[in-house]
Amino acid sequence: MALLAPLLSKLFRLIRLEIPTRNWLFLTLPIGVLVHVSVGTITPFTAAFLEINTHFVLKAIVLGSFFLGIRGIKISR
């Protein structure tokens, strides 16, 4: 993700979203869980995240990295 972050930032500037390179690193885990669920590939990490009554530390880490990732996103005009 560290290698793709500059390219992704440039691509998202075309649709007027300023996403810093650092934010892509925080968004790696939430994007990974979202993609695995949408494709239907349930990995052990995704299964642990989707279990409702267990793995609260994992959920806190993923949600925390999601909020840290979206914190610096700006809409340019």
C-alpha atoms as a PDB file:
ATOM      1  CA  MET A   1       0.000   0.000   0.000  1.00  0.00           C
ATOM      2  CA  ALA A   2       2.908   2.341   0.665  1.00  0.00           C
ATOM      3  CA  LEU A   3       3.958   1.996  -2.968  1.00  0.00           C
ATOM      4  CA  LEU A   4       0.440   2.512  -4.344  1.00  0.00           C
ATOM      5  CA  ALA A   5      -0.506   5.430  -2.084  1.00  0.00           C
ATOM      6  CA  PRO A   6       0.979   8.220  -4.266  1.00  0.00           C
ATOM      7  CA  LEU A   7      -0.747   6.828  -7.362  1.00  0.00           C
ATOM      8  CA  LEU A   8      -4.061   6.442  -5.547  1.00  0.00           C
ATOM      9  CA  SER A   9      -3.812   9.983  -4.205  1.00  0.00           C
ATOM     10  CA  LYS A  10      -3.298  11.328  -7.731  1.00  0.00           C
ATOM     11  CA  LEU A  11      -6.233   9.314  -9.065  1.00  0.00           C
ATOM     12  CA  PHE A  12      -8.556  10.558  -6.343  1.00  0.00           C
ATOM     13  CA  ARG A  13      -7.521  14.157  -7.016  1.00  0.00           C
ATOM     14  CA  LEU A  14      -9.282  13.758 -10.377  1.00  0.00           C
ATOM     15  CA  ILE A  15     -12.574  13.395  -8.502  1.00  0.00           C
ATOM     16  CA  ARG A  16     -11.669  16.285  -6.149  1.00  0.00           C
ATOM     17  CA  LEU A  17     -10.706  14.252  -3.089  1.00  0.00           C
ATOM     18  CA  GLU A  18      -7.451  15.101  -1.353  1.00  0.00           C
ATOM     19  CA  ILE A  19      -6.298  11.931   0.399  1.00  0.00           C
ATOM     20  CA  PRO A  20      -2.819  12.149   1.918  1.00  0.00           C
ATOM     21  CA  THR A  21      -0.433   9.239   1.497  1.00  0.00           C
ATOM     22  CA  ARG A  22      -0.438   8.527   5.229  1.00  0.00           C
ATOM     23  CA  ASN A  23      -4.209   8.042   5.237  1.00  0.00           C
ATOM     24  CA  TRP A  24      -3.976   5.226   2.701  1.00  0.00           C
ATOM     25  CA  LEU A  25      -1.862   3.281   5.178  1.00  0.00           C
ATOM     26  CA  PHE A  26      -4.571   3.606   7.826  1.00  0.00           C
ATOM     27  CA  LEU A  27      -7.294   2.633   5.344  1.00  0.00           C
ATOM     28  CA  THR A  28      -5.590  -0.627   4.341  1.00  0.00           C
ATOM     29  CA  LEU A  29      -7.307  -2.856   6.917  1.00  0.00           C
ATOM     30  CA  PRO A  30     -10.844  -1.443   6.529  1.00  0.00           C
ATOM     31  CA  ILE A  31     -10.610  -1.569   2.726  1.00  0.00           C
ATOM     32  CA  GLY A  32      -9.319  -5.139   2.926  1.00  0.00           C
ATOM     33  CA  VAL A  33     -12.215  -6.266   5.111  1.00  0.00           C
ATOM     34  CA  LEU A  34     -14.730  -4.487   2.873  1.00  0.00           C
ATOM     35  CA  VAL A  35     -13.314  -6.013  -0.314  1.00  0.00           C
ATOM     36  CA  HIS A  36     -13.177  -9.521   1.136  1.00  0.00           C
ATOM     37  CA  VAL A  37     -16.794  -9.292   2.283  1.00  0.00           C
ATOM     38  CA  SER A  38     -17.998  -7.866  -1.048  1.00  0.00           C
ATOM     39  CA  VAL A  39     -16.167 -10.514  -3.081  1.00  0.00           C
ATOM     40  CA  GLY A  40     -17.282 -13.303  -0.764  1.00  0.00           C
ATOM     41  CA  THR A  41     -13.815 -14.495   0.201  1.00  0.00           C
ATOM     42  CA  ILE A  42     -13.957 -14.998   3.935  1.00  0.00           C
ATOM     43  CA  THR A  43     -10.442 -15.117   5.345  1.00  0.00           C
ATOM     44  CA  PRO A  44      -9.761 -15.859   9.026  1.00  0.00           C
ATOM     45  CA  PHE A  45      -9.226 -12.134   9.632  1.00  0.00           C
ATOM     46  CA  THR A  46     -12.536 -11.248   7.974  1.00  0.00           C
ATOM     47  CA  ALA A  47     -14.361 -14.033   9.801  1.00  0.00           C
ATOM     48  CA  ALA A  48     -12.963 -12.839  13.118  1.00  0.00           C
ATOM     49  CA  PHE A  49     -14.054  -9.278  12.312  1.00  0.00           C
ATOM     50  CA  LEU A  50     -17.572 -10.378  11.377  1.00  0.00           C
ATOM     51  CA  GLU A  51     -18.155 -12.431  14.554  1.00  0.00           C
ATOM     52  CA  ILE A  52     -20.441 -10.344  16.707  1.00  0.00           C
ATOM     53  CA  ASN A  53     -19.610 -11.488  20.241  1.00  0.00           C
ATOM     54  CA  THR A  54     -15.822 -11.921  20.059  1.00  0.00           C
ATOM     55  CA  HIS A  55     -12.586 -10.265  18.886  1.00  0.00           C
ATOM     56  CA  PHE A  56     -13.340  -6.807  20.250  1.00  0.00           C
ATOM     57  CA  VAL A  57      -9.693  -5.713  20.100  1.00  0.00           C
ATOM     58  CA  LEU A  58      -9.585  -6.561  16.388  1.00  0.00           C
ATOM     59  CA  LYS A  59     -12.754  -4.576  15.758  1.00  0.00           C
ATOM     60  CA  ALA A  60     -11.382  -1.628  17.718  1.00  0.00           C
ATOM     61  CA  ILE A  61      -8.159  -1.668  15.683  1.00  0.00           C
ATOM     62  CA  VAL A  62     -10.006  -1.820  12.343  1.00  0.00           C
ATOM     63  CA  LEU A  63     -12.507   0.882  13.306  1.00  0.00           C
ATOM     64  CA  GLY A  64      -9.762   3.043  14.794  1.00  0.00           C
ATOM     65  CA  SER A  65      -7.698   2.797  11.635  1.00  0.00           C
ATOM     66  CA  PHE A  66     -10.811   3.634   9.598  1.00  0.00           C
ATOM     67  CA  PHE A  67     -11.414   6.817  11.577  1.00  0.00           C
ATOM     68  CA  LEU A  68      -7.735   7.763  11.420  1.00  0.00           C
ATOM     69  CA  GLY A  69      -7.846   7.151   7.661  1.00  0.00           C
ATOM     70  CA  ILE A  70     -10.849   9.336   6.925  1.00  0.00           C
ATOM     71  CA  ARG A  71      -9.751  12.090   9.298  1.00  0.00           C
ATOM     72  CA  GLY A  72      -7.454  13.861   6.803  1.00  0.00           C
ATOM     73  CA  ILE A  73      -9.567  13.534   3.654  1.00  0.00           C
ATOM     74  CA  LYS A  74     -10.559  16.889   2.166  1.00  0.00           C
ATOM     75  CA  ILE A  75     -12.901  17.772  -0.663  1.00  0.00           C
ATOM     76  CA  SER A  76     -11.278  20.327  -2.944  1.00  0.00           C
ATOM     77  CA  ARG A  77     -13.320  22.672  -5.088  1.00  0.00           C
END
